[in-house]
Amino acid sequence: MKKIAMIPARYAATRFPAKLMQQLGNKSVIRHTYDNTLATGLFEEVYVVTDSDIIFNEITAHGGKAVMSKKNHESGSDRIAEAIADMDIDIVVNVQGDEPFVQKEPLEKLLATFADENVQVASLMQVLTEEKFINDPNYVKVAIDENFNSLFFSRSPIPYPRDKTVKPVYYEHIGVYAFRKQALLNFTSWPMTPLEAVEKIECIRSREHIIQIKMVVTK
C-alpha cells in the first residue's frame, strides 16, 4: 500500500494566530512537525497542505514538500481531501500541524491497523486518569467496544459514572487520523451531521454514517 502523510496547516489559527510559525528551538513549529513526520520513515511522501504563502515558503525553502489549497476549507480533513483527490495513494495520515514532537511508534501502530481490509478509518487515543481532564470539554473523550472500535465521541465524560463502584477507563481522542483514500473522499463529501454539529467533533460524522473508526492506544 502506498502511504503518505499530510499535515494541514493554517496560518490564521483562531486561538493562537501564527502558532505554526513560532520558533521552537532552532525551527518553526511546522518545520519540526514536518521533519519529525518525515524522519519516521513510514511514508512514501510527506506534504504540508496550507492556505498560507508564509507556511508554504517556510517548508519549500528548507527542501520540504508543500501543497497550496485551491479553496477555503473548514477543516484539515477537507483540505487534505482536495490535495489527494488526483493522487495515486492508498492510505493518508492526517498529522496535525501543531504536533512538533510526533514520533514513529504511534503512527506505525496506526498504519498497522490497515492490514485488516475492513478498516477504513483509524485514529489515536490515550488513557485519561485525572478527573480535571476527564471533565474538561477541551479534552474529547471516546468510548470504544471490545474490538477497539469507537462507539461515540463527546466533550462530556463518557461513560457517565453513575455506579461509583465501577471504575471505567476514560480515553482522550488524539486528533491524528488515518484514512483509506476513498473513505476520506466519502467523509468530506457528506454534510455536517446533527451530533457532530452540537458537539463540534468532526469524526462523529463517520459514526453517524455507521463507519467504524479503529482506535489505537498510545502514550
N, C-alpha and C. Protein backbone atom coordinates (compact mmCIF):
# COMPACT_ATOMS: atom_id res chain seq x y z
N MET A 1 0.84 -1.20 0.00
CA MET A 1 0.00 0.00 0.00
C MET A 1 0.87 1.24 0.00
N LYS A 2 0.49 2.22 -0.81
CA LYS A 2 1.22 3.48 -0.81
C LYS A 2 0.65 4.39 0.29
N LYS A 3 1.52 4.78 1.21
CA LYS A 3 1.11 5.55 2.39
C LYS A 3 1.78 6.91 2.36
N ILE A 4 0.99 7.96 2.55
CA ILE A 4 1.54 9.31 2.65
C ILE A 4 1.04 9.97 3.90
N ALA A 5 1.75 11.00 4.33
CA ALA A 5 1.30 11.83 5.45
C ALA A 5 1.00 13.23 4.93
N MET A 6 -0.09 13.78 5.35
CA MET A 6 -0.48 15.14 5.02
C MET A 6 -0.60 15.94 6.32
N ILE A 7 -0.01 17.10 6.33
CA ILE A 7 -0.01 17.97 7.51
C ILE A 7 -0.79 19.24 7.17
N PRO A 8 -2.07 19.33 7.57
CA PRO A 8 -2.83 20.54 7.29
C PRO A 8 -2.34 21.68 8.17
N ALA A 9 -2.16 22.85 7.56
CA ALA A 9 -1.51 23.95 8.30
C ALA A 9 -2.17 25.27 7.94
N ARG A 10 -2.90 25.84 8.91
CA ARG A 10 -3.49 27.17 8.76
C ARG A 10 -2.59 28.19 9.45
N TYR A 11 -2.42 29.34 8.82
CA TYR A 11 -1.63 30.40 9.44
C TYR A 11 -2.47 31.16 10.46
N ALA A 12 -3.71 31.45 10.08
CA ALA A 12 -4.56 32.31 10.92
C ALA A 12 -5.39 31.48 11.89
N ALA A 13 -4.74 30.72 12.75
CA ALA A 13 -5.46 29.93 13.75
C ALA A 13 -6.25 30.86 14.68
N THR A 14 -7.46 30.44 15.03
CA THR A 14 -8.36 31.31 15.80
C THR A 14 -7.81 31.63 17.18
N ARG A 15 -7.37 30.60 17.91
CA ARG A 15 -6.96 30.80 19.30
C ARG A 15 -5.52 31.31 19.43
N PHE A 16 -4.69 31.04 18.41
CA PHE A 16 -3.28 31.40 18.50
C PHE A 16 -2.78 31.66 17.08
N PRO A 17 -3.08 32.86 16.53
CA PRO A 17 -2.64 33.17 15.17
C PRO A 17 -1.12 33.01 15.02
N ALA A 18 -0.72 32.48 13.86
CA ALA A 18 0.69 32.26 13.52
C ALA A 18 1.37 31.26 14.44
N LYS A 19 0.59 30.42 15.12
CA LYS A 19 1.15 29.42 16.04
C LYS A 19 2.19 28.54 15.35
N LEU A 20 1.90 28.13 14.12
CA LEU A 20 2.78 27.17 13.45
C LEU A 20 4.11 27.78 13.02
N MET A 21 4.18 29.11 13.03
CA MET A 21 5.42 29.78 12.65
C MET A 21 6.23 30.23 13.86
N GLN A 22 5.77 29.90 15.05
CA GLN A 22 6.54 30.25 16.25
C GLN A 22 7.82 29.42 16.30
N GLN A 23 8.89 30.04 16.79
CA GLN A 23 10.15 29.33 16.90
C GLN A 23 10.15 28.39 18.11
N LEU A 24 10.58 27.18 17.88
CA LEU A 24 10.72 26.18 18.93
C LEU A 24 12.16 25.69 18.81
N GLY A 25 13.03 26.24 19.64
CA GLY A 25 14.46 25.96 19.46
C GLY A 25 14.94 26.59 18.18
N ASN A 26 15.49 25.79 17.28
CA ASN A 26 16.09 26.34 16.06
C ASN A 26 15.18 26.27 14.84
N LYS A 27 13.91 25.85 15.02
CA LYS A 27 12.99 25.72 13.89
C LYS A 27 11.61 26.22 14.28
N SER A 28 10.81 26.49 13.25
CA SER A 28 9.40 26.79 13.50
C SER A 28 8.66 25.51 13.88
N VAL A 29 7.50 25.68 14.51
CA VAL A 29 6.69 24.54 14.91
C VAL A 29 6.35 23.66 13.70
N ILE A 30 5.95 24.27 12.60
CA ILE A 30 5.54 23.48 11.43
C ILE A 30 6.71 22.72 10.83
N ARG A 31 7.91 23.27 10.87
CA ARG A 31 9.07 22.53 10.36
C ARG A 31 9.43 21.35 11.25
N HIS A 32 9.32 21.52 12.56
CA HIS A 32 9.53 20.39 13.45
C HIS A 32 8.54 19.27 13.14
N THR A 33 7.27 19.64 12.95
CA THR A 33 6.24 18.63 12.66
C THR A 33 6.56 17.92 11.35
N TYR A 34 6.90 18.69 10.33
CA TYR A 34 7.23 18.10 9.02
C TYR A 34 8.45 17.20 9.12
N ASP A 35 9.53 17.71 9.69
CA ASP A 35 10.78 16.96 9.74
C ASP A 35 10.64 15.68 10.56
N ASN A 36 9.91 15.75 11.68
CA ASN A 36 9.76 14.58 12.52
C ASN A 36 8.84 13.54 11.89
N THR A 37 7.85 13.99 11.15
CA THR A 37 6.99 13.05 10.41
C THR A 37 7.79 12.35 9.32
N LEU A 38 8.58 13.11 8.59
CA LEU A 38 9.43 12.54 7.54
C LEU A 38 10.44 11.56 8.13
N ALA A 39 10.99 11.91 9.29
CA ALA A 39 12.04 11.09 9.91
C ALA A 39 11.53 9.73 10.38
N THR A 40 10.21 9.54 10.49
CA THR A 40 9.70 8.23 10.89
C THR A 40 10.02 7.17 9.85
N GLY A 41 10.19 7.58 8.59
CA GLY A 41 10.46 6.63 7.52
C GLY A 41 9.28 5.76 7.15
N LEU A 42 8.07 6.14 7.59
CA LEU A 42 6.89 5.32 7.37
C LEU A 42 6.16 5.64 6.07
N PHE A 43 6.51 6.77 5.46
CA PHE A 43 5.69 7.29 4.36
C PHE A 43 6.50 7.46 3.08
N GLU A 44 5.84 7.17 1.96
CA GLU A 44 6.48 7.42 0.67
C GLU A 44 6.65 8.92 0.42
N GLU A 45 5.68 9.69 0.90
CA GLU A 45 5.74 11.15 0.75
C GLU A 45 5.15 11.80 2.00
N VAL A 46 5.67 12.99 2.32
CA VAL A 46 5.10 13.82 3.38
C VAL A 46 4.90 15.22 2.80
N TYR A 47 3.70 15.76 2.97
CA TYR A 47 3.37 17.09 2.46
C TYR A 47 2.76 17.94 3.58
N VAL A 48 3.04 19.22 3.53
CA VAL A 48 2.24 20.21 4.25
C VAL A 48 1.23 20.75 3.26
N VAL A 49 -0.04 20.81 3.66
CA VAL A 49 -1.08 21.37 2.80
C VAL A 49 -1.64 22.60 3.52
N THR A 50 -1.57 23.75 2.86
CA THR A 50 -1.80 25.02 3.55
C THR A 50 -2.50 26.03 2.65
N ASP A 51 -3.07 27.05 3.29
CA ASP A 51 -3.65 28.18 2.58
C ASP A 51 -2.77 29.41 2.69
N SER A 52 -1.56 29.22 3.21
CA SER A 52 -0.69 30.35 3.56
C SER A 52 0.60 30.34 2.74
N ASP A 53 0.88 31.45 2.06
CA ASP A 53 2.16 31.58 1.35
C ASP A 53 3.32 31.52 2.33
N ILE A 54 3.11 32.05 3.52
CA ILE A 54 4.19 32.07 4.53
C ILE A 54 4.59 30.65 4.92
N ILE A 55 3.60 29.82 5.21
CA ILE A 55 3.89 28.44 5.59
C ILE A 55 4.42 27.65 4.40
N PHE A 56 3.82 27.85 3.23
CA PHE A 56 4.29 27.17 2.02
C PHE A 56 5.78 27.45 1.79
N ASN A 57 6.16 28.71 1.89
CA ASN A 57 7.56 29.09 1.67
C ASN A 57 8.47 28.59 2.78
N GLU A 58 7.96 28.54 4.00
CA GLU A 58 8.74 28.03 5.12
C GLU A 58 9.15 26.57 4.88
N ILE A 59 8.25 25.78 4.33
CA ILE A 59 8.54 24.37 4.09
C ILE A 59 9.41 24.19 2.85
N THR A 60 9.03 24.79 1.74
CA THR A 60 9.75 24.56 0.49
C THR A 60 11.14 25.17 0.50
N ALA A 61 11.32 26.28 1.23
CA ALA A 61 12.65 26.92 1.30
C ALA A 61 13.66 26.04 2.01
N HIS A 62 13.18 25.08 2.80
CA HIS A 62 14.08 24.18 3.52
C HIS A 62 14.03 22.76 2.95
N GLY A 63 13.61 22.65 1.69
CA GLY A 63 13.66 21.37 1.00
C GLY A 63 12.48 20.46 1.19
N GLY A 64 11.43 20.95 1.85
CA GLY A 64 10.25 20.13 2.08
C GLY A 64 9.23 20.24 0.96
N LYS A 65 8.17 19.46 1.06
CA LYS A 65 7.11 19.46 0.05
C LYS A 65 5.84 20.06 0.64
N ALA A 66 5.24 20.96 -0.13
CA ALA A 66 4.02 21.62 0.33
C ALA A 66 3.06 21.78 -0.84
N VAL A 67 1.78 21.83 -0.51
CA VAL A 67 0.71 21.99 -1.49
C VAL A 67 -0.16 23.16 -1.04
N MET A 68 -0.49 24.05 -1.98
CA MET A 68 -1.40 25.15 -1.66
C MET A 68 -2.85 24.72 -1.91
N SER A 69 -3.71 24.98 -0.95
CA SER A 69 -5.14 24.72 -1.12
C SER A 69 -5.71 25.65 -2.18
N LYS A 70 -6.63 25.12 -2.97
CA LYS A 70 -7.27 25.93 -4.01
C LYS A 70 -8.54 26.61 -3.50
N LYS A 71 -9.14 26.04 -2.45
CA LYS A 71 -10.38 26.57 -1.90
C LYS A 71 -10.21 26.86 -0.42
N ASN A 72 -11.20 27.57 0.14
CA ASN A 72 -11.24 27.75 1.58
C ASN A 72 -11.88 26.50 2.20
N HIS A 73 -11.31 26.05 3.31
CA HIS A 73 -11.81 24.83 3.94
C HIS A 73 -12.06 25.05 5.42
N GLU A 74 -13.09 24.37 5.93
CA GLU A 74 -13.42 24.48 7.36
C GLU A 74 -12.56 23.57 8.21
N SER A 75 -12.02 22.50 7.62
CA SER A 75 -11.29 21.53 8.43
C SER A 75 -10.05 21.03 7.70
N GLY A 76 -9.15 20.45 8.47
CA GLY A 76 -7.96 19.85 7.89
C GLY A 76 -8.30 18.68 6.98
N SER A 77 -9.33 17.92 7.34
CA SER A 77 -9.73 16.78 6.51
C SER A 77 -10.16 17.24 5.13
N ASP A 78 -10.93 18.33 5.06
CA ASP A 78 -11.35 18.88 3.77
C ASP A 78 -10.15 19.34 2.96
N ARG A 79 -9.21 19.98 3.63
CA ARG A 79 -8.01 20.48 2.96
C ARG A 79 -7.21 19.31 2.36
N ILE A 80 -7.09 18.23 3.12
CA ILE A 80 -6.34 17.07 2.65
C ILE A 80 -7.07 16.37 1.51
N ALA A 81 -8.39 16.25 1.63
CA ALA A 81 -9.16 15.57 0.58
C ALA A 81 -8.98 16.25 -0.77
N GLU A 82 -8.99 17.57 -0.78
CA GLU A 82 -8.76 18.29 -2.03
C GLU A 82 -7.38 17.96 -2.60
N ALA A 83 -6.38 17.90 -1.72
CA ALA A 83 -5.00 17.69 -2.17
C ALA A 83 -4.76 16.29 -2.72
N ILE A 84 -5.45 15.28 -2.17
CA ILE A 84 -5.16 13.90 -2.59
C ILE A 84 -6.09 13.38 -3.68
N ALA A 85 -7.07 14.19 -4.08
CA ALA A 85 -8.12 13.71 -5.00
C ALA A 85 -7.54 13.04 -6.24
N ASP A 86 -6.46 13.60 -6.79
CA ASP A 86 -5.89 13.05 -8.02
C ASP A 86 -4.58 12.30 -7.78
N MET A 87 -4.27 12.01 -6.52
CA MET A 87 -3.03 11.27 -6.21
C MET A 87 -3.28 9.76 -6.22
N ASP A 88 -2.30 9.01 -6.65
CA ASP A 88 -2.36 7.56 -6.65
C ASP A 88 -1.82 7.06 -5.32
N ILE A 89 -2.68 6.98 -4.32
CA ILE A 89 -2.28 6.56 -2.98
C ILE A 89 -3.33 5.61 -2.42
N ASP A 90 -2.97 4.91 -1.35
CA ASP A 90 -3.91 4.02 -0.68
C ASP A 90 -4.33 4.55 0.69
N ILE A 91 -3.33 4.98 1.49
CA ILE A 91 -3.58 5.43 2.86
C ILE A 91 -3.01 6.82 3.04
N VAL A 92 -3.79 7.69 3.68
CA VAL A 92 -3.29 9.02 4.03
C VAL A 92 -3.46 9.23 5.53
N VAL A 93 -2.39 9.71 6.17
CA VAL A 93 -2.43 10.01 7.60
C VAL A 93 -2.46 11.53 7.75
N ASN A 94 -3.41 12.00 8.53
CA ASN A 94 -3.55 13.42 8.85
C ASN A 94 -2.80 13.67 10.15
N VAL A 95 -1.63 14.32 10.03
CA VAL A 95 -0.83 14.69 11.20
C VAL A 95 -1.06 16.18 11.45
N GLN A 96 -1.55 16.54 12.63
CA GLN A 96 -1.84 17.94 12.92
C GLN A 96 -0.55 18.78 12.86
N GLY A 97 -0.67 19.98 12.32
CA GLY A 97 0.50 20.84 12.16
C GLY A 97 1.14 21.26 13.47
N ASP A 98 0.37 21.22 14.57
CA ASP A 98 0.91 21.64 15.86
C ASP A 98 1.30 20.42 16.72
N GLU A 99 1.83 19.39 16.05
CA GLU A 99 2.34 18.20 16.76
C GLU A 99 3.85 18.09 16.49
N PRO A 100 4.65 19.05 16.99
CA PRO A 100 6.08 19.07 16.64
C PRO A 100 6.89 17.91 17.21
N PHE A 101 6.32 17.20 18.19
CA PHE A 101 7.06 16.09 18.80
C PHE A 101 6.52 14.74 18.34
N VAL A 102 5.89 14.72 17.17
CA VAL A 102 5.34 13.48 16.63
C VAL A 102 6.43 12.42 16.55
N GLN A 103 6.04 11.18 16.90
CA GLN A 103 7.00 10.08 16.96
C GLN A 103 6.56 8.92 16.08
N LYS A 104 7.50 8.02 15.84
CA LYS A 104 7.26 6.91 14.91
C LYS A 104 6.27 5.89 15.46
N GLU A 105 6.42 5.48 16.71
CA GLU A 105 5.67 4.34 17.22
C GLU A 105 4.15 4.48 17.08
N PRO A 106 3.54 5.60 17.52
CA PRO A 106 2.08 5.68 17.39
C PRO A 106 1.62 5.68 15.94
N LEU A 107 2.38 6.32 15.05
CA LEU A 107 2.00 6.33 13.64
C LEU A 107 2.14 4.94 13.03
N GLU A 108 3.17 4.22 13.45
CA GLU A 108 3.37 2.86 12.96
C GLU A 108 2.22 1.95 13.40
N LYS A 109 1.79 2.10 14.65
CA LYS A 109 0.66 1.30 15.15
C LYS A 109 -0.63 1.67 14.42
N LEU A 110 -0.78 2.94 14.11
CA LEU A 110 -1.96 3.41 13.37
C LEU A 110 -2.00 2.77 11.99
N LEU A 111 -0.89 2.80 11.29
CA LEU A 111 -0.83 2.22 9.94
C LEU A 111 -1.04 0.71 9.96
N ALA A 112 -0.60 0.06 11.02
CA ALA A 112 -0.71 -1.40 11.10
C ALA A 112 -2.16 -1.87 11.11
N THR A 113 -3.08 -1.03 11.52
CA THR A 113 -4.49 -1.43 11.57
C THR A 113 -5.03 -1.74 10.17
N PHE A 114 -4.41 -1.16 9.14
CA PHE A 114 -4.93 -1.33 7.78
C PHE A 114 -4.54 -2.66 7.16
N ALA A 115 -3.82 -3.50 7.91
CA ALA A 115 -3.61 -4.88 7.47
C ALA A 115 -4.96 -5.61 7.42
N ASP A 116 -5.91 -5.13 8.21
CA ASP A 116 -7.29 -5.61 8.16
C ASP A 116 -8.01 -4.82 7.08
N GLU A 117 -8.42 -5.49 6.02
CA GLU A 117 -9.02 -4.78 4.89
C GLU A 117 -10.36 -4.14 5.24
N ASN A 118 -10.94 -4.51 6.37
CA ASN A 118 -12.21 -3.90 6.79
C ASN A 118 -12.02 -2.53 7.42
N VAL A 119 -10.80 -2.21 7.86
CA VAL A 119 -10.56 -0.91 8.49
C VAL A 119 -10.50 0.17 7.42
N GLN A 120 -11.36 1.16 7.59
CA GLN A 120 -11.41 2.29 6.66
C GLN A 120 -10.82 3.56 7.25
N VAL A 121 -10.99 3.71 8.57
CA VAL A 121 -10.51 4.90 9.29
C VAL A 121 -9.93 4.44 10.62
N ALA A 122 -8.83 5.05 11.01
CA ALA A 122 -8.23 4.74 12.31
C ALA A 122 -7.75 6.03 12.96
N SER A 123 -7.66 6.01 14.29
CA SER A 123 -7.22 7.20 15.00
C SER A 123 -6.58 6.81 16.33
N LEU A 124 -5.96 7.79 16.97
CA LEU A 124 -5.21 7.56 18.21
C LEU A 124 -6.00 8.03 19.43
N MET A 125 -5.72 7.39 20.57
CA MET A 125 -6.29 7.82 21.85
C MET A 125 -5.29 7.49 22.95
N GLN A 126 -5.47 8.15 24.09
CA GLN A 126 -4.64 7.86 25.24
C GLN A 126 -5.51 7.83 26.49
N VAL A 127 -5.05 7.12 27.51
CA VAL A 127 -5.81 6.99 28.75
C VAL A 127 -5.77 8.31 29.52
N LEU A 128 -6.94 8.71 30.02
CA LEU A 128 -7.05 9.87 30.91
C LEU A 128 -7.27 9.37 32.34
N THR A 129 -6.51 9.88 33.27
CA THR A 129 -6.67 9.45 34.66
C THR A 129 -7.06 10.58 35.60
N GLU A 130 -6.73 11.81 35.25
CA GLU A 130 -7.02 12.94 36.14
C GLU A 130 -8.43 13.46 35.90
N GLU A 131 -9.19 13.60 36.99
CA GLU A 131 -10.59 13.99 36.88
C GLU A 131 -10.77 15.35 36.20
N LYS A 132 -9.82 16.27 36.43
CA LYS A 132 -9.96 17.60 35.82
C LYS A 132 -9.93 17.52 34.30
N PHE A 133 -9.18 16.57 33.74
CA PHE A 133 -9.12 16.40 32.29
C PHE A 133 -10.34 15.63 31.79
N ILE A 134 -10.78 14.66 32.56
CA ILE A 134 -11.96 13.89 32.18
C ILE A 134 -13.18 14.80 32.06
N ASN A 135 -13.26 15.80 32.92
CA ASN A 135 -14.41 16.72 32.93
C ASN A 135 -14.20 17.97 32.07
N ASP A 136 -13.03 18.12 31.49
CA ASP A 136 -12.71 19.29 30.69
C ASP A 136 -13.23 19.10 29.26
N PRO A 137 -14.15 19.98 28.79
CA PRO A 137 -14.70 19.80 27.44
C PRO A 137 -13.68 20.01 26.32
N ASN A 138 -12.53 20.58 26.64
CA ASN A 138 -11.48 20.71 25.63
C ASN A 138 -10.76 19.38 25.37
N TYR A 139 -10.99 18.41 26.24
CA TYR A 139 -10.45 17.06 26.06
C TYR A 139 -11.58 16.18 25.53
N VAL A 140 -11.49 15.81 24.26
CA VAL A 140 -12.54 14.99 23.66
C VAL A 140 -12.36 13.55 24.11
N LYS A 141 -13.43 12.96 24.63
CA LYS A 141 -13.40 11.58 25.10
C LYS A 141 -13.99 10.65 24.04
N VAL A 142 -13.54 9.40 24.07
CA VAL A 142 -14.07 8.39 23.15
C VAL A 142 -14.39 7.13 23.93
N ALA A 143 -15.55 6.56 23.66
CA ALA A 143 -15.93 5.27 24.21
C ALA A 143 -15.76 4.22 23.12
N ILE A 144 -15.26 3.04 23.48
CA ILE A 144 -14.94 2.02 22.50
C ILE A 144 -15.61 0.70 22.83
N ASP A 145 -15.70 -0.16 21.83
CA ASP A 145 -16.21 -1.51 22.07
C ASP A 145 -15.05 -2.46 22.36
N GLU A 146 -15.34 -3.74 22.48
CA GLU A 146 -14.31 -4.71 22.86
C GLU A 146 -13.26 -4.91 21.78
N ASN A 147 -13.56 -4.48 20.55
CA ASN A 147 -12.61 -4.61 19.45
C ASN A 147 -11.88 -3.30 19.15
N PHE A 148 -11.98 -2.36 20.08
CA PHE A 148 -11.33 -1.06 19.96
C PHE A 148 -11.88 -0.25 18.78
N ASN A 149 -13.13 -0.47 18.44
CA ASN A 149 -13.82 0.42 17.51
C ASN A 149 -14.56 1.48 18.31
N SER A 150 -14.58 2.70 17.80
CA SER A 150 -15.23 3.78 18.52
C SER A 150 -16.74 3.58 18.54
N LEU A 151 -17.34 3.88 19.68
CA LEU A 151 -18.79 3.90 19.80
C LEU A 151 -19.32 5.33 19.69
N PHE A 152 -18.66 6.24 20.40
CA PHE A 152 -19.07 7.64 20.36
C PHE A 152 -17.94 8.51 20.88
N PHE A 153 -17.96 9.77 20.45
CA PHE A 153 -17.02 10.79 20.92
C PHE A 153 -17.83 11.89 21.60
N SER A 154 -17.28 12.46 22.65
CA SER A 154 -18.01 13.52 23.34
C SER A 154 -17.06 14.41 24.14
N ARG A 155 -17.50 15.65 24.33
CA ARG A 155 -16.77 16.56 25.22
C ARG A 155 -17.17 16.32 26.68
N SER A 156 -18.27 15.61 26.87
CA SER A 156 -18.69 15.21 28.21
C SER A 156 -17.95 13.93 28.60
N PRO A 157 -17.89 13.64 29.91
CA PRO A 157 -17.30 12.36 30.33
C PRO A 157 -18.15 11.20 29.83
N ILE A 158 -17.55 10.32 29.05
CA ILE A 158 -18.25 9.09 28.65
C ILE A 158 -17.33 7.91 28.92
N PRO A 159 -17.83 6.88 29.62
CA PRO A 159 -19.19 6.74 30.15
C PRO A 159 -19.42 7.60 31.39
N TYR A 160 -20.69 7.93 31.64
CA TYR A 160 -21.03 8.68 32.85
C TYR A 160 -20.97 7.73 34.05
N PRO A 161 -20.25 8.07 35.11
CA PRO A 161 -20.05 7.14 36.23
C PRO A 161 -21.20 7.14 37.22
N ARG A 162 -22.34 6.65 36.80
CA ARG A 162 -23.48 6.60 37.73
C ARG A 162 -23.20 5.63 38.88
N ASP A 163 -22.63 4.47 38.57
CA ASP A 163 -22.28 3.49 39.60
C ASP A 163 -20.84 3.77 40.04
N LYS A 164 -20.69 4.34 41.21
CA LYS A 164 -19.37 4.76 41.69
C LYS A 164 -18.48 3.58 42.06
N THR A 165 -19.05 2.38 42.12
CA THR A 165 -18.22 1.21 42.46
C THR A 165 -17.49 0.66 41.23
N VAL A 166 -17.94 1.08 40.06
CA VAL A 166 -17.31 0.64 38.81
C VAL A 166 -16.30 1.70 38.39
N LYS A 167 -15.11 1.26 38.04
CA LYS A 167 -14.06 2.19 37.64
C LYS A 167 -13.81 2.09 36.13
N PRO A 168 -14.46 2.95 35.36
CA PRO A 168 -14.29 2.87 33.91
C PRO A 168 -12.93 3.42 33.47
N VAL A 169 -12.51 3.03 32.29
CA VAL A 169 -11.32 3.62 31.68
C VAL A 169 -11.78 4.74 30.76
N TYR A 170 -11.20 5.92 30.94
CA TYR A 170 -11.51 7.06 30.08
C TYR A 170 -10.37 7.26 29.09
N TYR A 171 -10.77 7.48 27.84
CA TYR A 171 -9.78 7.70 26.79
C TYR A 171 -9.97 9.09 26.19
N GLU A 172 -8.85 9.76 25.98
CA GLU A 172 -8.87 11.03 25.24
C GLU A 172 -8.59 10.74 23.78
N HIS A 173 -9.42 11.31 22.91
CA HIS A 173 -9.17 11.18 21.48
C HIS A 173 -8.08 12.16 21.06
N ILE A 174 -7.03 11.63 20.43
CA ILE A 174 -5.96 12.47 19.88
C ILE A 174 -6.23 12.62 18.39
N GLY A 175 -6.28 13.86 17.91
CA GLY A 175 -6.74 14.12 16.55
C GLY A 175 -5.75 13.80 15.45
N VAL A 176 -5.21 12.59 15.46
CA VAL A 176 -4.38 12.10 14.35
C VAL A 176 -5.15 10.97 13.70
N TYR A 177 -5.51 11.15 12.42
CA TYR A 177 -6.36 10.20 11.72
C TYR A 177 -5.59 9.53 10.59
N ALA A 178 -6.00 8.31 10.25
CA ALA A 178 -5.55 7.66 9.02
C ALA A 178 -6.79 7.19 8.26
N PHE A 179 -6.78 7.40 6.95
CA PHE A 179 -7.92 7.04 6.11
C PHE A 179 -7.44 6.24 4.90
N ARG A 180 -8.26 5.29 4.46
CA ARG A 180 -8.13 4.86 3.08
C ARG A 180 -8.61 6.02 2.21
N LYS A 181 -8.01 6.16 1.05
CA LYS A 181 -8.28 7.34 0.22
C LYS A 181 -9.77 7.55 0.00
N GLN A 182 -10.47 6.51 -0.44
CA GLN A 182 -11.89 6.69 -0.76
C GLN A 182 -12.71 7.01 0.47
N ALA A 183 -12.30 6.47 1.62
CA ALA A 183 -13.02 6.77 2.86
C ALA A 183 -12.95 8.25 3.19
N LEU A 184 -11.79 8.87 2.96
CA LEU A 184 -11.67 10.30 3.23
C LEU A 184 -12.48 11.10 2.22
N LEU A 185 -12.44 10.72 0.95
CA LEU A 185 -13.22 11.44 -0.06
C LEU A 185 -14.71 11.33 0.24
N ASN A 186 -15.14 10.16 0.68
CA ASN A 186 -16.55 9.99 1.07
C ASN A 186 -16.89 10.88 2.26
N PHE A 187 -16.02 10.84 3.28
CA PHE A 187 -16.25 11.60 4.51
C PHE A 187 -16.45 13.09 4.23
N THR A 188 -15.58 13.64 3.41
CA THR A 188 -15.63 15.08 3.15
C THR A 188 -16.74 15.47 2.18
N SER A 189 -17.36 14.48 1.54
CA SER A 189 -18.49 14.79 0.65
C SER A 189 -19.82 14.84 1.41
N TRP A 190 -19.83 14.30 2.64
CA TRP A 190 -21.05 14.29 3.42
C TRP A 190 -21.22 15.63 4.15
N PRO A 191 -22.46 16.11 4.27
CA PRO A 191 -22.69 17.33 5.06
C PRO A 191 -22.50 17.06 6.55
N MET A 192 -22.32 18.14 7.31
CA MET A 192 -22.21 18.01 8.76
C MET A 192 -23.47 17.36 9.31
N THR A 193 -23.28 16.43 10.25
CA THR A 193 -24.40 15.69 10.82
C THR A 193 -24.83 16.32 12.15
N PRO A 194 -26.05 16.01 12.64
CA PRO A 194 -26.58 16.69 13.83
C PRO A 194 -25.72 16.54 15.07
N LEU A 195 -25.27 15.31 15.38
CA LEU A 195 -24.47 15.13 16.59
C LEU A 195 -23.11 15.79 16.46
N GLU A 196 -22.54 15.76 15.26
CA GLU A 196 -21.29 16.48 15.01
C GLU A 196 -21.48 17.97 15.26
N ALA A 197 -22.60 18.51 14.78
CA ALA A 197 -22.85 19.94 14.90
C ALA A 197 -22.95 20.38 16.35
N VAL A 198 -23.62 19.59 17.20
CA VAL A 198 -23.81 20.00 18.58
C VAL A 198 -22.54 19.82 19.41
N GLU A 199 -21.76 18.78 19.11
CA GLU A 199 -20.52 18.53 19.88
C GLU A 199 -19.32 19.28 19.30
N LYS A 200 -19.43 19.65 18.03
CA LYS A 200 -18.29 20.24 17.31
C LYS A 200 -17.08 19.28 17.34
N ILE A 201 -17.37 18.02 16.97
CA ILE A 201 -16.34 16.99 16.86
C ILE A 201 -16.52 16.35 15.48
N GLU A 202 -15.57 16.60 14.62
CA GLU A 202 -15.68 16.22 13.21
C GLU A 202 -15.90 14.72 12.98
N CYS A 203 -15.18 13.88 13.74
CA CYS A 203 -15.22 12.44 13.45
C CYS A 203 -16.55 11.79 13.80
N ILE A 204 -17.43 12.49 14.53
CA ILE A 204 -18.76 11.93 14.79
C ILE A 204 -19.51 11.71 13.48
N ARG A 205 -19.17 12.49 12.46
CA ARG A 205 -19.82 12.34 11.15
C ARG A 205 -19.66 10.90 10.63
N SER A 206 -18.49 10.32 10.82
CA SER A 206 -18.28 8.94 10.38
C SER A 206 -19.19 7.98 11.14
N ARG A 207 -19.32 8.18 12.44
CA ARG A 207 -20.16 7.28 13.24
C ARG A 207 -21.64 7.42 12.86
N GLU A 208 -22.05 8.65 12.55
CA GLU A 208 -23.45 8.84 12.15
C GLU A 208 -23.73 8.21 10.79
N HIS A 209 -22.68 7.96 10.01
CA HIS A 209 -22.83 7.22 8.75
C HIS A 209 -22.44 5.75 8.92
N ILE A 210 -22.37 5.29 10.16
CA ILE A 210 -22.11 3.89 10.50
C ILE A 210 -20.76 3.43 9.95
N ILE A 211 -19.77 4.31 9.96
CA ILE A 211 -18.41 3.95 9.61
C ILE A 211 -17.62 3.73 10.90
N GLN A 212 -17.04 2.56 11.06
CA GLN A 212 -16.24 2.28 12.24
C GLN A 212 -14.93 3.06 12.19
N ILE A 213 -14.48 3.52 13.35
CA ILE A 213 -13.16 4.11 13.48
C ILE A 213 -12.36 3.23 14.43
N LYS A 214 -11.31 2.61 13.92
CA LYS A 214 -10.46 1.75 14.75
C LYS A 214 -9.58 2.65 15.61
N MET A 215 -9.63 2.44 16.93
CA MET A 215 -8.87 3.27 17.85
C MET A 215 -7.61 2.54 18.32
N VAL A 216 -6.52 3.28 18.41
CA VAL A 216 -5.22 2.75 18.79
C VAL A 216 -4.73 3.49 20.03
N VAL A 217 -4.34 2.74 21.06
CA VAL A 217 -3.88 3.36 22.30
C VAL A 217 -2.41 3.76 22.17
N THR A 218 -2.10 4.96 22.60
CA THR A 218 -0.72 5.44 22.62
C THR A 218 -0.50 6.22 23.90
N LYS A 219 0.77 6.41 24.24
CA LYS A 219 1.12 7.28 25.38
C LYS A 219 1.60 8.63 24.91
